[in-house]
Amino acid sequence: TRTARVASLLEARSQSEGISVEEA
């Protein structure tokens, strides 16, 4: 669900996998 919590999880995935937030 599009919330601040999910935004932070997407950011974490972006950093750990070396991809953009949009790709995550």
PDB file of all heavy atoms in Angstrom:
ATOM      1  N   THR A   1       0.852  -1.188   0.000  1.00  0.00           N
ATOM      2  CA  THR A   1       0.000   0.000   0.000  1.00  0.00           C
ATOM      3  C   THR A   1       0.891   1.243   0.000  1.00  0.00           C
ATOM      4  O   THR A   1       1.897   1.290   0.704  1.00  0.00           O
ATOM      5  CB  THR A   1      -0.897   0.011   1.250  1.00  0.00           C
ATOM      6  OG1 THR A   1      -1.603  -1.240   1.316  1.00  0.00           O
ATOM      7  CG2 THR A   1      -1.898   1.148   1.205  1.00  0.00           C
ATOM      8  N   ARG A   2       0.512   2.242  -0.760  1.00  0.00           N
ATOM      9  CA  ARG A   2       1.350   3.426  -0.917  1.00  0.00           C
ATOM     10  C   ARG A   2       1.307   4.282   0.361  1.00  0.00           C
ATOM     11  O   ARG A   2       0.451   5.152   0.522  1.00  0.00           O
ATOM     12  CB  ARG A   2       0.888   4.236  -2.124  1.00  0.00           C
ATOM     13  CG  ARG A   2       1.948   5.202  -2.671  1.00  0.00           C
ATOM     14  CD  ARG A   2       1.511   5.815  -3.982  1.00  0.00           C
ATOM     15  NE  ARG A   2       1.436   4.849  -5.057  1.00  0.00           N
ATOM     16  CZ  ARG A   2       2.486   4.355  -5.708  1.00  0.00           C
ATOM     17  NH1 ARG A   2       3.705   4.725  -5.372  1.00  0.00           N
ATOM     18  NH2 ARG A   2       2.315   3.491  -6.685  1.00  0.00           N
ATOM     19  N   THR A   3       2.234   4.008   1.254  1.00  0.00           N
ATOM     20  CA  THR A   3       2.358   4.726   2.519  1.00  0.00           C
ATOM     21  C   THR A   3       3.822   5.077   2.750  1.00  0.00           C
ATOM     22  O   THR A   3       4.718   4.601   2.031  1.00  0.00           O
ATOM     23  CB  THR A   3       1.881   3.854   3.697  1.00  0.00           C
ATOM     24  OG1 THR A   3       2.729   2.704   3.783  1.00  0.00           O
ATOM     25  CG2 THR A   3       0.430   3.416   3.534  1.00  0.00           C
ATOM     26  N   ALA A   4       4.078   5.875   3.789  1.00  0.00           N
ATOM     27  CA  ALA A   4       5.462   6.226   4.132  1.00  0.00           C
ATOM     28  C   ALA A   4       6.254   4.983   4.519  1.00  0.00           C
ATOM     29  O   ALA A   4       7.451   4.874   4.222  1.00  0.00           O
ATOM     30  CB  ALA A   4       5.470   7.250   5.267  1.00  0.00           C
ATOM     31  N   ARG A   5       5.607   4.037   5.189  1.00  0.00           N
ATOM     32  CA  ARG A   5       6.259   2.779   5.572  1.00  0.00           C
ATOM     33  C   ARG A   5       6.733   2.026   4.333  1.00  0.00           C
ATOM     34  O   ARG A   5       7.875   1.563   4.267  1.00  0.00           O
ATOM     35  CB  ARG A   5       5.274   1.936   6.384  1.00  0.00           C
ATOM     36  CG  ARG A   5       5.555   0.444   6.439  1.00  0.00           C
ATOM     37  CD  ARG A   5       6.636   0.077   7.387  1.00  0.00           C
ATOM     38  NE  ARG A   5       6.672  -1.371   7.617  1.00  0.00           N
ATOM     39  CZ  ARG A   5       7.667  -2.012   8.193  1.00  0.00           C
ATOM     40  NH1 ARG A   5       8.722  -1.346   8.600  1.00  0.00           N
ATOM     41  NH2 ARG A   5       7.617  -3.314   8.377  1.00  0.00           N
ATOM     42  N   VAL A   6       5.879   1.899   3.338  1.00  0.00           N
ATOM     43  CA  VAL A   6       6.257   1.188   2.117  1.00  0.00           C
ATOM     44  C   VAL A   6       7.325   1.974   1.353  1.00  0.00           C
ATOM     45  O   VAL A   6       8.246   1.374   0.770  1.00  0.00           O
ATOM     46  CB  VAL A   6       5.011   0.918   1.247  1.00  0.00           C
ATOM     47  CG1 VAL A   6       5.397   0.487  -0.164  1.00  0.00           C
ATOM     48  CG2 VAL A   6       4.158  -0.158   1.904  1.00  0.00           C
ATOM     49  N   ALA A   7       7.225   3.295   1.380  1.00  0.00           N
ATOM     50  CA  ALA A   7       8.263   4.103   0.725  1.00  0.00           C
ATOM     51  C   ALA A   7       9.633   3.819   1.329  1.00  0.00           C
ATOM     52  O   ALA A   7      10.633   3.705   0.607  1.00  0.00           O
ATOM     53  CB  ALA A   7       7.923   5.583   0.836  1.00  0.00           C
ATOM     54  N   SER A   8       9.685   3.661   2.655  1.00  0.00           N
ATOM     55  CA  SER A   8      10.965   3.371   3.302  1.00  0.00           C
ATOM     56  C   SER A   8      11.457   1.970   2.952  1.00  0.00           C
ATOM     57  O   SER A   8      12.659   1.733   2.786  1.00  0.00           O
ATOM     58  CB  SER A   8      10.853   3.536   4.824  1.00  0.00           C
ATOM     59  OG  SER A   8      10.051   2.525   5.392  1.00  0.00           O
ATOM     60  N   LEU A   9      10.535   1.009   2.823  1.00  0.00           N
ATOM     61  CA  LEU A   9      10.919  -0.350   2.428  1.00  0.00           C
ATOM     62  C   LEU A   9      11.433  -0.372   0.991  1.00  0.00           C
ATOM     63  O   LEU A   9      12.392  -1.090   0.675  1.00  0.00           O
ATOM     64  CB  LEU A   9       9.735  -1.297   2.582  1.00  0.00           C
ATOM     65  CG  LEU A   9       9.261  -1.567   4.012  1.00  0.00           C
ATOM     66  CD1 LEU A   9       8.004  -2.426   3.995  1.00  0.00           C
ATOM     67  CD2 LEU A   9      10.354  -2.228   4.842  1.00  0.00           C
ATOM     68  N   LEU A  10      10.800   0.405   0.127  1.00  0.00           N
ATOM     69  CA  LEU A  10      11.269   0.480  -1.254  1.00  0.00           C
ATOM     70  C   LEU A  10      12.654   1.105  -1.326  1.00  0.00           C
ATOM     71  O   LEU A  10      13.514   0.667  -2.111  1.00  0.00           O
ATOM     72  CB  LEU A  10      10.280   1.286  -2.106  1.00  0.00           C
ATOM     73  CG  LEU A  10       8.923   0.646  -2.369  1.00  0.00           C
ATOM     74  CD1 LEU A  10       8.008   1.616  -3.090  1.00  0.00           C
ATOM     75  CD2 LEU A  10       9.062  -0.638  -3.166  1.00  0.00           C
ATOM     76  N   GLU A  11      12.874   2.109  -0.510  1.00  0.00           N
ATOM     77  CA  GLU A  11      14.192   2.747  -0.460  1.00  0.00           C
ATOM     78  C   GLU A  11      15.248   1.753   0.024  1.00  0.00           C
ATOM     79  O   GLU A  11      16.364   1.685  -0.522  1.00  0.00           O
ATOM     80  CB  GLU A  11      14.136   3.968   0.461  1.00  0.00           C
ATOM     81  CG  GLU A  11      15.454   4.730   0.583  1.00  0.00           C
ATOM     82  CD  GLU A  11      15.910   5.350  -0.718  1.00  0.00           C
ATOM     83  OE1 GLU A  11      15.051   5.788  -1.507  1.00  0.00           O
ATOM     84  OE2 GLU A  11      17.138   5.388  -0.951  1.00  0.00           O
ATOM     85  N   ALA A  12      14.898   0.972   1.058  1.00  0.00           N
ATOM     86  CA  ALA A  12      15.829  -0.033   1.576  1.00  0.00           C
ATOM     87  C   ALA A  12      16.140  -1.087   0.514  1.00  0.00           C
ATOM     88  O   ALA A  12      17.291  -1.500   0.344  1.00  0.00           O
ATOM     89  CB  ALA A  12      15.249  -0.690   2.818  1.00  0.00           C
ATOM     90  N   ARG A  13      15.112  -1.518  -0.213  1.00  0.00           N
ATOM     91  CA  ARG A  13      15.333  -2.505  -1.276  1.00  0.00           C
ATOM     92  C   ARG A  13      16.179  -1.911  -2.397  1.00  0.00           C
ATOM     93  O   ARG A  13      17.063  -2.586  -2.947  1.00  0.00           O
ATOM     94  CB  ARG A  13      13.996  -2.996  -1.822  1.00  0.00           C
ATOM     95  CG  ARG A  13      14.141  -3.988  -2.971  1.00  0.00           C
ATOM     96  CD  ARG A  13      12.816  -4.606  -3.385  1.00  0.00           C
ATOM     97  NE  ARG A  13      12.328  -5.545  -2.385  1.00  0.00           N
ATOM     98  CZ  ARG A  13      11.359  -6.430  -2.635  1.00  0.00           C
ATOM     99  NH1 ARG A  13      10.795  -6.496  -3.828  1.00  0.00           N
ATOM    100  NH2 ARG A  13      10.957  -7.258  -1.682  1.00  0.00           N
ATOM    101  N   SER A  14      15.919  -0.657  -2.713  1.00  0.00           N
ATOM    102  CA  SER A  14      16.695   0.028  -3.742  1.00  0.00           C
ATOM    103  C   SER A  14      18.183   0.027  -3.401  1.00  0.00           C
ATOM    104  O   SER A  14      19.034  -0.288  -4.242  1.00  0.00           O
ATOM    105  CB  SER A  14      16.176   1.467  -3.895  1.00  0.00           C
ATOM    106  OG  SER A  14      17.100   2.285  -4.558  1.00  0.00           O
ATOM    107  N   GLN A  15      18.485   0.343  -2.160  1.00  0.00           N
ATOM    108  CA  GLN A  15      19.884   0.411  -1.741  1.00  0.00           C
ATOM    109  C   GLN A  15      20.523  -0.971  -1.674  1.00  0.00           C
ATOM    110  O   GLN A  15      21.678  -1.156  -2.087  1.00  0.00           O
ATOM    111  CB  GLN A  15      19.979   1.116  -0.392  1.00  0.00           C
ATOM    112  CG  GLN A  15      19.598   2.591  -0.456  1.00  0.00           C
ATOM    113  CD  GLN A  15      19.666   3.275   0.895  1.00  0.00           C
ATOM    114  OE1 GLN A  15      20.092   2.688   1.889  1.00  0.00           O
ATOM    115  NE2 GLN A  15      19.239   4.527   0.957  1.00  0.00           N
ATOM    116  N   SER A  16      19.796  -1.950  -1.156  1.00  0.00           N
ATOM    117  CA  SER A  16      20.391  -3.283  -0.992  1.00  0.00           C
ATOM    118  C   SER A  16      20.604  -3.993  -2.331  1.00  0.00           C
ATOM    119  O   SER A  16      21.535  -4.795  -2.470  1.00  0.00           O
ATOM    120  CB  SER A  16      19.516  -4.144  -0.078  1.00  0.00           C
ATOM    121  OG  SER A  16      18.291  -4.463  -0.709  1.00  0.00           O
ATOM    122  N   GLU A  17      19.759  -3.689  -3.332  1.00  0.00           N
ATOM    123  CA  GLU A  17      19.851  -4.372  -4.616  1.00  0.00           C
ATOM    124  C   GLU A  17      20.507  -3.529  -5.702  1.00  0.00           C
ATOM    125  O   GLU A  17      20.704  -3.999  -6.832  1.00  0.00           O
ATOM    126  CB  GLU A  17      18.457  -4.819  -5.072  1.00  0.00           C
ATOM    127  CG  GLU A  17      17.804  -5.814  -4.123  1.00  0.00           C
ATOM    128  CD  GLU A  17      16.428  -6.263  -4.566  1.00  0.00           C
ATOM    129  OE1 GLU A  17      16.039  -5.937  -5.715  1.00  0.00           O
ATOM    130  OE2 GLU A  17      15.745  -6.934  -3.779  1.00  0.00           O
ATOM    131  N   GLY A  18      20.850  -2.271  -5.354  1.00  0.00           N
ATOM    132  CA  GLY A  18      21.522  -1.408  -6.318  1.00  0.00           C
ATOM    133  C   GLY A  18      20.657  -1.024  -7.498  1.00  0.00           C
ATOM    134  O   GLY A  18      21.136  -0.921  -8.639  1.00  0.00           O
ATOM    135  N   ILE A  19      19.362  -0.810  -7.249  1.00  0.00           N
ATOM    136  CA  ILE A  19      18.433  -0.397  -8.298  1.00  0.00           C
ATOM    137  C   ILE A  19      17.726   0.874  -7.864  1.00  0.00           C
ATOM    138  O   ILE A  19      17.808   1.283  -6.699  1.00  0.00           O
ATOM    139  CB  ILE A  19      17.395  -1.505  -8.593  1.00  0.00           C
ATOM    140  CG1 ILE A  19      16.594  -1.851  -7.320  1.00  0.00           C
ATOM    141  CG2 ILE A  19      18.077  -2.745  -9.158  1.00  0.00           C
ATOM    142  CD1 ILE A  19      15.497  -2.893  -7.539  1.00  0.00           C
ATOM    143  N   SER A  20      17.014   1.510  -8.770  1.00  0.00           N
ATOM    144  CA  SER A  20      16.277   2.719  -8.420  1.00  0.00           C
ATOM    145  C   SER A  20      15.028   2.369  -7.619  1.00  0.00           C
ATOM    146  O   SER A  20      14.563   1.216  -7.639  1.00  0.00           O
ATOM    147  CB  SER A  20      15.873   3.483  -9.685  1.00  0.00           C
ATOM    148  OG  SER A  20      14.882   2.764 -10.398  1.00  0.00           O
ATOM    149  N   VAL A  21      14.475   3.357  -6.932  1.00  0.00           N
ATOM    150  CA  VAL A  21      13.231   3.158  -6.184  1.00  0.00           C
ATOM    151  C   VAL A  21      12.105   2.766  -7.144  1.00  0.00           C
ATOM    152  O   VAL A  21      11.266   1.909  -6.830  1.00  0.00           O
ATOM    153  CB  VAL A  21      12.866   4.420  -5.382  1.00  0.00           C
ATOM    154  CG1 VAL A  21      11.478   4.285  -4.769  1.00  0.00           C
ATOM    155  CG2 VAL A  21      13.899   4.691  -4.295  1.00  0.00           C
ATOM    156  N   GLU A  22      12.095   3.387  -8.321  1.00  0.00           N
ATOM    157  CA  GLU A  22      11.066   3.075  -9.315  1.00  0.00           C
ATOM    158  C   GLU A  22      11.168   1.618  -9.771  1.00  0.00           C
ATOM    159  O   GLU A  22      10.157   0.932  -9.931  1.00  0.00           O
ATOM    160  CB  GLU A  22      11.201   4.010 -10.522  1.00  0.00           C
ATOM    161  CG  GLU A  22      10.857   5.464 -10.255  1.00  0.00           C
ATOM    162  CD  GLU A  22      11.925   6.206  -9.448  1.00  0.00           C
ATOM    163  OE1 GLU A  22      13.089   5.740  -9.405  1.00  0.00           O
ATOM    164  OE2 GLU A  22      11.582   7.246  -8.860  1.00  0.00           O
ATOM    165  N   GLU A  23      12.404   1.166  -9.952  1.00  0.00           N
ATOM    166  CA  GLU A  23      12.593  -0.246 -10.330  1.00  0.00           C
ATOM    167  C   GLU A  23      12.189  -1.173  -9.197  1.00  0.00           C
ATOM    168  O   GLU A  23      11.601  -2.242  -9.429  1.00  0.00           O
ATOM    169  CB  GLU A  23      14.053  -0.484 -10.711  1.00  0.00           C
ATOM    170  CG  GLU A  23      14.455   0.142 -12.038  1.00  0.00           C
ATOM    171  CD  GLU A  23      15.957   0.061 -12.278  1.00  0.00           C
ATOM    172  OE1 GLU A  23      16.735   0.294 -11.333  1.00  0.00           O
ATOM    173  OE2 GLU A  23      16.338  -0.232 -13.425  1.00  0.00           O
ATOM    174  N   ALA A  24      12.485  -0.764  -7.951  1.00  0.00           N
ATOM    175  CA  ALA A  24      12.096  -1.569  -6.798  1.00  0.00           C
ATOM    176  C   ALA A  24      10.584  -1.695  -6.719  1.00  0.00           C
ATOM    177  O   ALA A  24      10.046  -2.782  -6.451  1.00  0.00           O
ATOM    178  CB  ALA A  24      12.653  -0.951  -5.515  1.00  0.00           C
TER     179      ALA A  24
END
